[in-house]
Protein backbone atom coordinates (compact mmCIF):
# COMPACT_ATOMS: atom_id res chain seq x y z
CA UNK A 1 -142.13 40.44 136.17
CA UNK A 2 -144.27 38.82 138.88
CA UNK A 3 -142.52 40.82 141.60
CA UNK A 4 -143.81 44.01 139.97
CA UNK A 5 -147.36 42.63 140.04
CA UNK A 6 -147.33 42.69 143.85
CA UNK A 7 -147.68 46.48 143.65
CA UNK A 8 -151.02 46.11 141.83
CA UNK A 9 -152.81 43.51 143.95
CA UNK A 10 -156.33 44.34 145.08
CA UNK A 11 -156.57 45.12 148.80
CA UNK A 12 -158.89 43.10 151.01
CA UNK A 13 -161.77 45.30 152.13
CA UNK A 14 -162.60 42.94 155.01
CA UNK A 15 -159.05 43.11 156.32
CA UNK A 16 -158.96 46.89 155.90
CA UNK A 17 -162.22 47.45 157.78
CA UNK A 18 -162.20 44.72 160.42
CA UNK A 19 -158.57 43.60 160.63
CA UNK A 20 -159.47 39.99 159.82
CA UNK A 21 -158.62 38.03 156.71
CA UNK A 22 -161.51 37.05 154.49
CA UNK A 23 -161.85 33.50 153.10
CA UNK A 24 -160.26 34.65 149.83
CA UNK A 25 -157.25 36.39 151.35
CA UNK A 26 -154.07 35.08 149.84
CA UNK A 27 -155.54 33.92 146.52
CA UNK A 28 -153.84 36.60 144.43
CA UNK A 29 -150.46 36.06 146.07
CA UNK A 30 -150.86 32.27 145.81
CA UNK A 31 -151.44 32.55 142.06
CA UNK A 32 -148.27 34.63 141.74
CA UNK A 33 -146.36 32.05 143.79
CA UNK A 34 -147.59 29.23 141.52
CA UNK A 35 -146.38 31.13 138.45
CA UNK A 36 -143.04 31.70 140.20
CA UNK A 37 -142.74 27.96 140.87
CA UNK A 38 -143.11 28.26 144.63
CA UNK A 39 -145.76 25.54 144.92
CA UNK A 40 -145.40 24.68 148.60
CA UNK A 41 -145.60 28.33 149.67
CA UNK A 42 -148.68 28.83 147.47
CA UNK A 43 -150.43 25.91 149.16
CA UNK A 44 -149.67 27.17 152.68
CA UNK A 45 -150.83 30.66 151.75
CA UNK A 46 -154.11 29.52 150.15
CA UNK A 47 -154.80 25.76 150.42
CA UNK A 48 -157.51 25.71 147.74
CA UNK A 49 -155.22 27.10 145.04
CA UNK A 50 -154.67 23.80 143.23
CA UNK A 51 -158.26 22.63 143.35
CA UNK A 52 -159.33 26.05 142.07
CA UNK A 53 -156.86 25.77 139.21
CA UNK A 54 -158.21 22.30 138.38
CA UNK A 55 -161.76 23.67 138.45
CA UNK A 56 -160.83 26.60 136.20
CA UNK A 57 -158.96 24.42 133.70
CA UNK A 58 -161.76 21.84 133.60
CA UNK A 59 -164.32 24.62 133.13
CA UNK A 60 -162.40 26.00 130.15
CA UNK A 61 -161.98 22.55 128.59
CA UNK A 62 -165.67 21.82 129.18
CA UNK A 63 -166.62 25.01 127.34
CA UNK A 64 -164.86 23.69 124.25
CA UNK A 65 -165.63 19.96 124.35
CA UNK A 66 -168.94 19.81 126.31
CA UNK A 67 -168.46 16.67 128.39
CA UNK A 68 -171.60 14.63 129.10
CA UNK A 69 -171.33 15.00 132.88
CA UNK A 70 -169.44 18.29 132.75
CA UNK A 71 -171.92 20.26 134.83
CA UNK A 72 -171.99 17.61 137.57
CA UNK A 73 -168.20 17.51 137.69
CA UNK A 74 -168.00 21.30 137.89
CA UNK A 75 -170.54 21.35 140.74
CA UNK A 76 -168.60 18.68 142.64
CA UNK A 77 -165.29 20.47 142.10
CA UNK A 78 -166.88 23.74 143.25
CA UNK A 79 -168.25 22.04 146.38
CA UNK A 80 -164.81 20.61 147.16
CA UNK A 81 -163.31 24.08 146.76
CA UNK A 82 -165.87 25.68 149.04
CA UNK A 83 -165.22 23.01 151.67
CA UNK A 84 -161.45 23.51 151.49
CA UNK A 85 -161.79 27.29 151.66
CA UNK A 86 -164.16 27.19 154.65
CA UNK A 87 -162.10 24.65 156.60
CA UNK A 88 -158.82 26.48 155.97
CA UNK A 89 -160.45 29.79 156.93
CA UNK A 90 -161.73 28.33 160.20
CA UNK A 91 -158.28 26.95 160.95
CA UNK A 92 -156.72 30.33 160.11
CA UNK A 93 -159.01 32.46 162.29
CA UNK A 94 -159.49 30.02 165.18
CA UNK A 95 -156.46 31.35 167.12
CA UNK A 96 -157.79 34.89 166.67
CA UNK A 97 -161.20 33.97 168.05
CA UNK A 98 -159.82 32.22 171.13
CA UNK A 99 -157.90 35.30 172.35
C-alpha cells in the first residue's frame, strides 16, 4: 500500500525551481519509511522525523487532556525540531555550497 503512495507525493517547488532541496525535503518519504518499519533509513532521510512525531503525538494528547505546562512543552519541542531541521539542512547543502 505504501509503495503506491510514492506516486502521489507532493513535489518540492524549491527543488523544481532552483535544484536545491528545501529544509522539508524528505519528510513525506520519511513518514512512509517509518510506517514501513524502515526506521534507520527514515532518520537518515529526514533527521527530525522522530522529534516531529513526538511533537505531533504530544500535541494531540494535549488537546484532549490539557496539561498544565502543555504550551511550554510544545514550544520547546518545536524549538528542538527547528534546530534539528536547520542543522541537518546546513549539513546537507554544505557540500553543494563549497563547489
